[in-house]
Amino acid sequence: MYVCLCNGFTDRDVKSAIADGAQGVANIYDSLGAPPQCAKCSIHIREIIREEATVQSVEQIRK
């Protein structure tokens, strides 16, 4: 699913950036080499960051 229409990146791109160490919205933009434009996608990016943090926490608990 496209998250940022201005820069053309998807939720997979965001998750990949998070897996590579990006921890915030600005880090996501930097990691993907895309400048923030209208910033409407920042809400969705924050949601994905929270979801991925939850997934990582659950995985650590299972270990």
Protein backbone atom coordinates (compact mmCIF):
# COMPACT_ATOMS: atom_id res chain seq x y z
CA MET A 1 0.00 0.00 0.00
CA TYR A 2 1.31 3.45 -0.83
CA VAL A 3 2.01 5.50 2.27
CA CYS A 4 3.48 8.59 0.63
CA LEU A 5 2.03 9.62 -2.69
CA CYS A 6 4.32 12.65 -3.02
CA ASN A 7 7.45 10.50 -2.88
CA GLY A 8 5.94 7.22 -4.03
CA PHE A 9 6.94 4.95 -1.17
CA THR A 10 4.99 2.08 0.32
CA ASP A 11 4.44 0.50 3.71
CA ARG A 12 7.04 -2.11 2.74
CA ASP A 13 9.55 0.66 2.12
CA VAL A 14 8.79 2.13 5.54
CA LYS A 15 9.10 -1.27 7.25
CA SER A 16 12.39 -1.86 5.48
CA ALA A 17 13.71 1.50 6.66
CA ILE A 18 12.66 0.62 10.22
CA ALA A 19 14.42 -2.74 9.95
CA ASP A 20 17.54 -0.84 8.84
CA GLY A 21 17.40 1.27 12.01
CA ALA A 22 15.16 4.25 11.26
CA GLN A 23 13.29 5.18 14.43
CA GLY A 24 11.28 8.28 13.57
CA VAL A 25 9.47 9.93 10.71
CA ALA A 26 12.47 12.10 9.80
CA ASN A 27 14.70 9.00 9.86
CA ILE A 28 12.30 7.24 7.49
CA TYR A 29 12.47 10.11 4.99
CA ASP A 30 16.27 10.22 5.26
CA SER A 31 16.59 6.46 4.89
CA LEU A 32 14.40 6.46 1.78
CA GLY A 33 16.16 9.49 0.31
CA ALA A 34 12.93 11.42 0.12
CA PRO A 35 12.27 14.94 1.39
CA PRO A 36 9.04 15.50 3.33
CA GLN A 37 6.60 17.40 1.18
CA CYS A 38 2.98 17.69 2.27
CA ALA A 39 3.56 15.57 5.44
CA LYS A 40 0.12 13.95 5.28
CA CYS A 41 1.81 10.56 5.34
CA SER A 42 3.54 11.24 8.67
CA ILE A 43 0.48 9.96 10.56
CA HIS A 44 0.63 6.64 8.71
CA ILE A 45 4.39 6.41 9.13
CA ARG A 46 4.03 6.87 12.89
CA GLU A 47 1.41 4.10 12.97
CA ILE A 48 3.74 1.74 11.13
CA ILE A 49 6.59 2.63 13.50
CA ARG A 50 4.37 1.78 16.50
CA GLU A 51 3.17 -1.46 14.89
CA GLU A 52 6.72 -2.56 14.11
CA ALA A 53 7.85 -1.71 17.66
CA THR A 54 5.04 -3.89 19.01
CA VAL A 55 5.99 -6.74 16.69
CA GLN A 56 9.63 -6.50 17.75
CA SER A 57 8.64 -6.48 21.45
CA VAL A 58 6.51 -9.59 21.02
CA GLU A 59 9.32 -11.35 19.15
CA GLN A 60 11.77 -10.53 21.96
CA ILE A 61 9.37 -11.86 24.58
CA ARG A 62 9.03 -15.13 22.67
CA LYS A 63 12.82 -15.60 22.64
